[in-house]
C-alpha atoms as a PDB file:
ATOM      1  CA  UNK A   1       0.000   0.000   0.000  1.00  0.00           C
ATOM      2  CA  UNK A   2       1.461   3.352  -1.021  1.00  0.00           C
ATOM      3  CA  UNK A   3       1.207   6.629   0.929  1.00  0.00           C
ATOM      4  CA  UNK A   4      -1.871   7.821  -1.000  1.00  0.00           C
ATOM      5  CA  UNK A   5      -3.766   4.571  -0.335  1.00  0.00           C
ATOM      6  CA  UNK A   6      -2.821   4.756   3.351  1.00  0.00           C
ATOM      7  CA  UNK A   7      -4.083   8.351   3.552  1.00  0.00           C
ATOM      8  CA  UNK A   8      -7.352   7.414   1.782  1.00  0.00           C
ATOM      9  CA  UNK A   9      -7.854   4.485   4.187  1.00  0.00           C
ATOM     10  CA  UNK A  10      -7.166   6.720   7.201  1.00  0.00           C
ATOM     11  CA  UNK A  11      -9.710   9.296   5.947  1.00  0.00           C
ATOM     12  CA  UNK A  12     -12.367   6.592   5.521  1.00  0.00           C
ATOM     13  CA  UNK A  13     -11.714   5.294   9.049  1.00  0.00           C
ATOM     14  CA  UNK A  14     -11.911   8.755  10.640  1.00  0.00           C
ATOM     15  CA  UNK A  15     -15.132   9.090  12.655  1.00  0.00           C
ATOM     16  CA  UNK A  16     -17.825  11.413  11.371  1.00  0.00           C
ATOM     17  CA  UNK A  17     -17.361  14.810  13.020  1.00  0.00           C
ATOM     18  CA  UNK A  18     -20.440  16.857  12.360  1.00  0.00           C
ATOM     19  CA  UNK A  19     -21.303  18.332  15.747  1.00  0.00           C
ATOM     20  CA  UNK A  20     -20.883  21.998  14.867  1.00  0.00           C
ATOM     21  CA  UNK A  21     -22.866  21.595  11.647  1.00  0.00           C
ATOM     22  CA  UNK A  22     -25.697  19.761  13.450  1.00  0.00           C
ATOM     23  CA  UNK A  23     -25.880  22.417  16.171  1.00  0.00           C
ATOM     24  CA  UNK A  24     -25.818  25.288  13.644  1.00  0.00           C
ATOM     25  CA  UNK A  25     -28.575  23.718  11.523  1.00  0.00           C
ATOM     26  CA  UNK A  26     -30.735  22.910  14.579  1.00  0.00           C
ATOM     27  CA  UNK A  27     -30.446  26.471  15.874  1.00  0.00           C
ATOM     28  CA  UNK A  28     -31.149  27.935  12.427  1.00  0.00           C
ATOM     29  CA  UNK A  29     -34.424  25.994  12.415  1.00  0.00           C
ATOM     30  CA  UNK A  30     -35.218  27.095  15.990  1.00  0.00           C
ATOM     31  CA  UNK A  31     -35.423  23.501  17.222  1.00  0.00           C
ATOM     32  CA  UNK A  32     -34.579  22.144  20.663  1.00  0.00           C
ATOM     33  CA  UNK A  33     -32.627  18.936  21.169  1.00  0.00           C
ATOM     34  CA  UNK A  34     -35.877  17.360  22.378  1.00  0.00           C
ATOM     35  CA  UNK A  35     -37.618  18.280  19.100  1.00  0.00           C
ATOM     36  CA  UNK A  36     -34.792  16.771  17.036  1.00  0.00           C
ATOM     37  CA  UNK A  37     -34.856  13.669  19.248  1.00  0.00           C
ATOM     38  CA  UNK A  38     -38.595  13.267  18.642  1.00  0.00           C
ATOM     39  CA  UNK A  39     -38.150  13.684  14.880  1.00  0.00           C
ATOM     40  CA  UNK A  40     -35.137  11.369  14.596  1.00  0.00           C
ATOM     41  CA  UNK A  41     -35.908   8.685  17.189  1.00  0.00           C
ATOM     42  CA  UNK A  42     -32.501   9.273  18.793  1.00  0.00           C
ATOM     43  CA  UNK A  43     -32.059  10.213  22.435  1.00  0.00           C
ATOM     44  CA  UNK A  44     -31.445  13.758  23.683  1.00  0.00           C
ATOM     45  CA  UNK A  45     -28.201  12.728  25.471  1.00  0.00           C
ATOM     46  CA  UNK A  46     -26.865  11.099  22.275  1.00  0.00           C
ATOM     47  CA  UNK A  47     -27.718  14.185  20.187  1.00  0.00           C
ATOM     48  CA  UNK A  48     -26.041  16.403  22.773  1.00  0.00           C
ATOM     49  CA  UNK A  49     -22.920  14.233  22.613  1.00  0.00           C
ATOM     50  CA  UNK A  50     -22.898  14.483  18.802  1.00  0.00           C
ATOM     51  CA  UNK A  51     -23.146  18.279  18.933  1.00  0.00           C
ATOM     52  CA  UNK A  52     -20.295  18.432  21.460  1.00  0.00           C
ATOM     53  CA  UNK A  53     -18.117  15.966  19.471  1.00  0.00           C
ATOM     54  CA  UNK A  54     -18.174  13.448  22.340  1.00  0.00           C
ATOM     55  CA  UNK A  55     -19.998  10.898  20.154  1.00  0.00           C
ATOM     56  CA  UNK A  56     -19.584  10.228  16.460  1.00  0.00           C
ATOM     57  CA  UNK A  57     -22.705   9.023  14.640  1.00  0.00           C
ATOM     58  CA  UNK A  58     -22.798   6.167  12.169  1.00  0.00           C
ATOM     59  CA  UNK A  59     -23.960   7.056   8.652  1.00  0.00           C
ATOM     60  CA  UNK A  60     -27.373   5.585   9.547  1.00  0.00           C
ATOM     61  CA  UNK A  61     -27.700   7.806  12.634  1.00  0.00           C
ATOM     62  CA  UNK A  62     -26.423  10.813  10.688  1.00  0.00           C
ATOM     63  CA  UNK A  63     -29.092  10.195   8.057  1.00  0.00           C
ATOM     64  CA  UNK A  64     -31.772  10.166  10.780  1.00  0.00           C
ATOM     65  CA  UNK A  65     -30.415  13.435  12.193  1.00  0.00           C
ATOM     66  CA  UNK A  66     -30.251  15.069   8.757  1.00  0.00           C
ATOM     67  CA  UNK A  67     -33.832  14.000   7.976  1.00  0.00           C
ATOM     68  CA  UNK A  68     -34.952  15.527  11.278  1.00  0.00           C
ATOM     69  CA  UNK A  69     -33.158  18.749  10.318  1.00  0.00           C
ATOM     70  CA  UNK A  70     -34.663  18.865   6.795  1.00  0.00           C
ATOM     71  CA  UNK A  71     -31.266  18.510   5.114  1.00  0.00           C
ATOM     72  CA  UNK A  72     -28.961  15.740   3.887  1.00  0.00           C
ATOM     73  CA  UNK A  73     -26.053  13.904   5.477  1.00  0.00           C
ATOM     74  CA  UNK A  74     -23.841  15.145   2.633  1.00  0.00           C
ATOM     75  CA  UNK A  75     -24.659  18.776   3.412  1.00  0.00           C
ATOM     76  CA  UNK A  76     -23.946  18.303   7.106  1.00  0.00           C
ATOM     77  CA  UNK A  77     -20.617  16.638   6.305  1.00  0.00           C
ATOM     78  CA  UNK A  78     -19.685  19.361   3.817  1.00  0.00           C
ATOM     79  CA  UNK A  79     -20.603  22.099   6.310  1.00  0.00           C
ATOM     80  CA  UNK A  80     -18.594  20.373   9.023  1.00  0.00           C
ATOM     81  CA  UNK A  81     -15.533  19.871   6.794  1.00  0.00           C
ATOM     82  CA  UNK A  82     -15.662  23.438   5.533  1.00  0.00           C
ATOM     83  CA  UNK A  83     -15.848  24.751   9.087  1.00  0.00           C
ATOM     84  CA  UNK A  84     -12.823  22.928  10.460  1.00  0.00           C
ATOM     85  CA  UNK A  85     -10.363  22.261   7.642  1.00  0.00           C
ATOM     86  CA  UNK A  86      -7.122  24.131   7.082  1.00  0.00           C
ATOM     87  CA  UNK A  87      -4.977  22.799   4.245  1.00  0.00           C
ATOM     88  CA  UNK A  88      -2.097  24.510   2.450  1.00  0.00           C
ATOM     89  CA  UNK A  89      -1.284  23.483  -1.109  1.00  0.00           C
ATOM     90  CA  UNK A  90       2.207  24.763  -1.887  1.00  0.00           C
ATOM     91  CA  UNK A  91       3.301  25.783  -5.384  1.00  0.00           C
ATOM     92  CA  UNK A  92       5.477  22.667  -5.686  1.00  0.00           C
ATOM     93  CA  UNK A  93       2.918  20.213  -4.292  1.00  0.00           C
ATOM     94  CA  UNK A  94       1.786  17.456  -6.621  1.00  0.00           C
ATOM     95  CA  UNK A  95      -1.901  17.722  -5.719  1.00  0.00           C
ATOM     96  CA  UNK A  96      -3.110  16.087  -8.908  1.00  0.00           C
ATOM     97  CA  UNK A  97      -6.718  15.387  -9.708  1.00  0.00           C
ATOM     98  CA  UNK A  98      -7.945  11.896 -10.563  1.00  0.00           C
ATOM     99  CA  UNK A  99      -7.837  10.807 -14.178  1.00  0.00           C
ATOM    100  CA  UNK A 100      -5.773  12.450 -16.918  1.00  0.00           C
ATOM    101  CA  UNK A 101      -4.134  15.332 -15.113  1.00  0.00           C
ATOM    102  CA  UNK A 102      -1.225  16.718 -17.117  1.00  0.00           C
ATOM    103  CA  UNK A 103      -1.182  20.389 -16.288  1.00  0.00           C
ATOM    104  CA  UNK A 104      -4.130  20.183 -13.863  1.00  0.00           C
ATOM    105  CA  UNK A 105      -3.601  20.735 -10.134  1.00  0.00           C
ATOM    106  CA  UNK A 106      -6.218  20.639  -7.386  1.00  0.00           C
ATOM    107  CA  UNK A 107      -5.934  23.674  -5.107  1.00  0.00           C
ATOM    108  CA  UNK A 108      -8.537  22.373  -2.638  1.00  0.00           C
ATOM    109  CA  UNK A 109      -8.081  18.766  -1.535  1.00  0.00           C
ATOM    110  CA  UNK A 110     -10.910  16.562  -0.335  1.00  0.00           C
ATOM    111  CA  UNK A 111     -14.634  17.062  -0.758  1.00  0.00           C
ATOM    112  CA  UNK A 112     -15.734  20.568   0.196  1.00  0.00           C
ATOM    113  CA  UNK A 113     -18.184  23.197  -0.981  1.00  0.00           C
ATOM    114  CA  UNK A 114     -15.373  25.022  -2.774  1.00  0.00           C
ATOM    115  CA  UNK A 115     -13.707  23.341  -5.744  1.00  0.00           C
ATOM    116  CA  UNK A 116     -10.615  24.935  -7.340  1.00  0.00           C
ATOM    117  CA  UNK A 117      -8.320  23.708 -10.111  1.00  0.00           C
ATOM    118  CA  UNK A 118      -5.257  25.259 -11.721  1.00  0.00           C
ATOM    119  CA  UNK A 119      -4.713  24.516 -15.428  1.00  0.00           C
ATOM    120  CA  UNK A 120      -1.243  25.113 -16.945  1.00  0.00           C
ATOM    121  CA  UNK A 121      -0.135  25.132 -20.585  1.00  0.00           C
ATOM    122  CA  UNK A 122      -2.075  24.962 -23.824  1.00  0.00           C
ATOM    123  CA  UNK A 123      -5.345  23.101 -23.302  1.00  0.00           C
ATOM    124  CA  UNK A 124      -8.326  22.260 -25.445  1.00  0.00           C
ATOM    125  CA  UNK A 125     -11.186  21.034 -23.283  1.00  0.00           C
ATOM    126  CA  UNK A 126     -12.700  19.357 -26.307  1.00  0.00           C
ATOM    127  CA  UNK A 127     -16.196  19.399 -24.887  1.00  0.00           C
ATOM    128  CA  UNK A 128     -18.834  21.700 -23.517  1.00  0.00           C
ATOM    129  CA  UNK A 129     -19.467  21.991 -19.774  1.00  0.00           C
ATOM    130  CA  UNK A 130     -22.568  22.848 -17.798  1.00  0.00           C
ATOM    131  CA  UNK A 131     -22.297  22.929 -14.008  1.00  0.00           C
ATOM    132  CA  UNK A 132     -25.256  23.276 -11.719  1.00  0.00           C
ATOM    133  CA  UNK A 133     -23.425  25.780  -9.503  1.00  0.00           C
ATOM    134  CA  UNK A 134     -21.523  29.030 -10.080  1.00  0.00           C
ATOM    135  CA  UNK A 135     -17.993  29.050 -11.472  1.00  0.00           C
ATOM    136  CA  UNK A 136     -15.207  31.610 -11.819  1.00  0.00           C
ATOM    137  CA  UNK A 137     -12.433  31.322 -14.413  1.00  0.00           C
ATOM    138  CA  UNK A 138      -9.395  33.525 -13.681  1.00  0.00           C
ATOM    139  CA  UNK A 139      -6.447  33.903 -16.068  1.00  0.00           C
ATOM    140  CA  UNK A 140      -3.166  34.306 -14.145  1.00  0.00           C
ATOM    141  CA  UNK A 141      -0.929  34.144 -17.249  1.00  0.00           C
ATOM    142  CA  UNK A 142      -1.360  33.627 -20.982  1.00  0.00           C
ATOM    143  CA  UNK A 143      -4.549  33.713 -22.996  1.00  0.00           C
ATOM    144  CA  UNK A 144      -7.880  31.875 -23.024  1.00  0.00           C
ATOM    145  CA  UNK A 145     -10.794  31.734 -25.423  1.00  0.00           C
ATOM    146  CA  UNK A 146     -14.184  30.970 -23.902  1.00  0.00           C
ATOM    147  CA  UNK A 147     -17.473  30.270 -25.625  1.00  0.00           C
ATOM    148  CA  UNK A 148     -20.504  30.688 -23.361  1.00  0.00           C
ATOM    149  CA  UNK A 149     -24.159  30.846 -24.343  1.00  0.00           C
ATOM    150  CA  UNK A 150     -23.220  31.389 -28.006  1.00  0.00           C
ATOM    151  CA  UNK A 151     -20.819  34.286 -27.373  1.00  0.00           C
ATOM    152  CA  UNK A 152     -17.017  34.246 -27.594  1.00  0.00           C
ATOM    153  CA  UNK A 153     -14.739  35.886 -25.021  1.00  0.00           C
ATOM    154  CA  UNK A 154     -10.969  36.406 -25.196  1.00  0.00           C
ATOM    155  CA  UNK A 155      -9.318  36.660 -21.800  1.00  0.00           C
ATOM    156  CA  UNK A 156      -5.803  37.741 -20.849  1.00  0.00           C
ATOM    157  CA  UNK A 157      -3.749  37.980 -17.643  1.00  0.00           C
ATOM    158  CA  UNK A 158      -5.828  39.315 -14.759  1.00  0.00           C
ATOM    159  CA  UNK A 159      -9.153  38.784 -16.552  1.00  0.00           C
ATOM    160  CA  UNK A 160     -11.902  36.830 -14.789  1.00  0.00           C
ATOM    161  CA  UNK A 161     -15.094  35.345 -16.190  1.00  0.00           C
ATOM    162  CA  UNK A 162     -18.051  34.497 -13.937  1.00  0.00           C
ATOM    163  CA  UNK A 163     -20.490  31.817 -15.087  1.00  0.00           C
ATOM    164  CA  UNK A 164     -23.701  31.265 -13.186  1.00  0.00           C
ATOM    165  CA  UNK A 165     -24.926  27.728 -12.642  1.00  0.00           C
ATOM    166  CA  UNK A 166     -26.470  26.172 -15.737  1.00  0.00           C
ATOM    167  CA  UNK A 167     -24.521  28.224 -18.313  1.00  0.00           C
ATOM    168  CA  UNK A 168     -23.170  25.970 -21.067  1.00  0.00           C
ATOM    169  CA  UNK A 169     -19.551  26.791 -21.915  1.00  0.00           C
ATOM    170  CA  UNK A 170     -16.242  25.565 -23.293  1.00  0.00           C
ATOM    171  CA  UNK A 171     -12.770  27.050 -23.109  1.00  0.00           C
ATOM    172  CA  UNK A 172      -9.262  26.598 -24.436  1.00  0.00           C
ATOM    173  CA  UNK A 173      -5.901  27.967 -23.400  1.00  0.00           C
ATOM    174  CA  UNK A 174      -4.120  29.338 -26.462  1.00  0.00           C
ATOM    175  CA  UNK A 175      -0.511  29.855 -25.310  1.00  0.00           C
ATOM    176  CA  UNK A 176       1.988  27.498 -23.625  1.00  0.00           C
ATOM    177  CA  UNK A 177       2.560  29.905 -20.703  1.00  0.00           C
ATOM    178  CA  UNK A 178      -1.142  29.950 -19.768  1.00  0.00           C
ATOM    179  CA  UNK A 179      -2.173  29.411 -16.143  1.00  0.00           C
ATOM    180  CA  UNK A 180      -5.894  29.403 -15.365  1.00  0.00           C
ATOM    181  CA  UNK A 181      -7.606  29.137 -12.005  1.00  0.00           C
ATOM    182  CA  UNK A 182     -11.111  27.664 -12.019  1.00  0.00           C
ATOM    183  CA  UNK A 183     -13.112  28.063  -8.795  1.00  0.00           C
ATOM    184  CA  UNK A 184     -16.601  26.674  -8.350  1.00  0.00           C
ATOM    185  CA  UNK A 185     -19.142  25.484  -5.832  1.00  0.00           C
ATOM    186  CA  UNK A 186     -18.887  21.694  -5.988  1.00  0.00           C
ATOM    187  CA  UNK A 187     -21.537  19.845  -7.944  1.00  0.00           C
ATOM    188  CA  UNK A 188     -22.372  17.682  -4.904  1.00  0.00           C
ATOM    189  CA  UNK A 189     -23.671  20.824  -3.146  1.00  0.00           C
ATOM    190  CA  UNK A 190     -27.149  21.976  -4.153  1.00  0.00           C
ATOM    191  CA  UNK A 191     -27.468  25.744  -4.079  1.00  0.00           C
ATOM    192  CA  UNK A 192     -30.505  27.930  -4.207  1.00  0.00           C
ATOM    193  CA  UNK A 193     -30.784  31.512  -5.325  1.00  0.00           C
ATOM    194  CA  UNK A 194     -31.990  33.826  -2.576  1.00  0.00           C
ATOM    195  CA  UNK A 195     -33.489  37.029  -4.039  1.00  0.00           C
ATOM    196  CA  UNK A 196     -32.495  38.880  -0.848  1.00  0.00           C
ATOM    197  CA  UNK A 197     -28.827  38.374  -1.767  1.00  0.00           C
END
């Protein structure tokens, strides 16, 4: 087993730590522990221990809690991870994505609400993309051509292009010195548009 496999195994064995996310969601809904206990079928002491990180729920228990809080286990996990993770990706780190990854580097490791990739060199995506959540494409160096909703855009160093969720687009880097940063809300996170901003 190599170092990556060992790290992946360790991450899978790590207990679910969602206490802060459970407490925040419960309070946002104005629910007491007793109300969540009644909805989930779990005891008040157990729920209190989860919120205080003294007990770690199984996926089955977490699903019962998330149902009681009108959310999903995935959202609670994502909220918990986002609230407690600090990870530095250094310029020389080989934080490659899965699959063909020449010139593609993940700038956020793991599964979080934020997804960021750095693309280096000439690239032709070869296909059109449509993400359900918002995306930002920032050109650090070089030049990029983007086609979005039937319009063409040429971007240079320092230019940024925002694409709201659902916009069909494709892009290509046109010079070897190109470095592009793509930041998006991960597809596993469902977002809603709030007219109040």
